[in-house]
Structure formats: C-alpha cells, structure tokens
C-alpha cells in the first residue's frame, strides 16, 4: 500500500510537469 501511494504521487507529479512543459512548448511555437 505505502509504495502504491508513493508511485501514484510520482506519476501525478510527472504528469503535471509534462503539462507545464507542453504549455511552454506551445508558447514558444506561437512566439516564433
């Protein structure tokens, strides 16, 4: 159970960081 909770938290953090990176890439694309 404990490791499952840690795993889900890490996955959520990775997903949020991916969303931020995608937003930044979209901004850079439109700034060109």
C-alpha atoms as a PDB file:
ATOM      1  CA  UNK A   1       0.000   0.000   0.000  1.00  0.00           C
ATOM      2  CA  UNK A   2       2.701   2.504   1.040  1.00  0.00           C
ATOM      3  CA  UNK A   3       4.655   2.057  -2.193  1.00  0.00           C
ATOM      4  CA  UNK A   4       1.464   2.337  -4.263  1.00  0.00           C
ATOM      5  CA  UNK A   5       0.755   5.758  -2.709  1.00  0.00           C
ATOM      6  CA  UNK A   6       4.317   6.953  -3.440  1.00  0.00           C
ATOM      7  CA  UNK A   7       4.090   5.631  -7.005  1.00  0.00           C
ATOM      8  CA  UNK A   8       0.818   7.429  -7.705  1.00  0.00           C
ATOM      9  CA  UNK A   9       2.210  10.689  -6.268  1.00  0.00           C
ATOM     10  CA  UNK A  10       5.310  10.439  -8.504  1.00  0.00           C
ATOM     11  CA  UNK A  11       3.137   9.733 -11.574  1.00  0.00           C
ATOM     12  CA  UNK A  12       0.899  12.742 -10.772  1.00  0.00           C
ATOM     13  CA  UNK A  13       3.967  14.999 -10.374  1.00  0.00           C
ATOM     14  CA  UNK A  14       5.388  13.739 -13.695  1.00  0.00           C
ATOM     15  CA  UNK A  15       2.047  14.370 -15.433  1.00  0.00           C
ATOM     16  CA  UNK A  16       1.863  17.937 -14.051  1.00  0.00           C
ATOM     17  CA  UNK A  17       5.459  18.674 -15.121  1.00  0.00           C
ATOM     18  CA  UNK A  18       4.688  17.269 -18.595  1.00  0.00           C
ATOM     19  CA  UNK A  19       1.642  19.578 -18.863  1.00  0.00           C
ATOM     20  CA  UNK A  20       3.802  22.593 -17.915  1.00  0.00           C
ATOM     21  CA  UNK A  21       6.452  21.610 -20.479  1.00  0.00           C
ATOM     22  CA  UNK A  22       3.785  21.208 -23.194  1.00  0.00           C
ATOM     23  CA  UNK A  23       2.332  24.661 -22.358  1.00  0.00           C
ATOM     24  CA  UNK A  24       5.820  26.204 -22.581  1.00  0.00           C
ATOM     25  CA  UNK A  25       6.449  24.493 -25.945  1.00  0.00           C
ATOM     26  CA  UNK A  26       3.108  25.796 -27.277  1.00  0.00           C
ATOM     27  CA  UNK A  27       4.007  29.339 -26.126  1.00  0.00           C
ATOM     28  CA  UNK A  28       7.426  29.095 -27.817  1.00  0.00           C
ATOM     29  CA  UNK A  29       5.760  27.784 -31.005  1.00  0.00           C
ATOM     30  CA  UNK A  30       3.343  30.739 -31.160  1.00  0.00           C
ATOM     31  CA  UNK A  31       6.074  33.260 -30.286  1.00  0.00           C
ATOM     32  CA  UNK A  32       8.002  32.304 -33.459  1.00  0.00           C
END
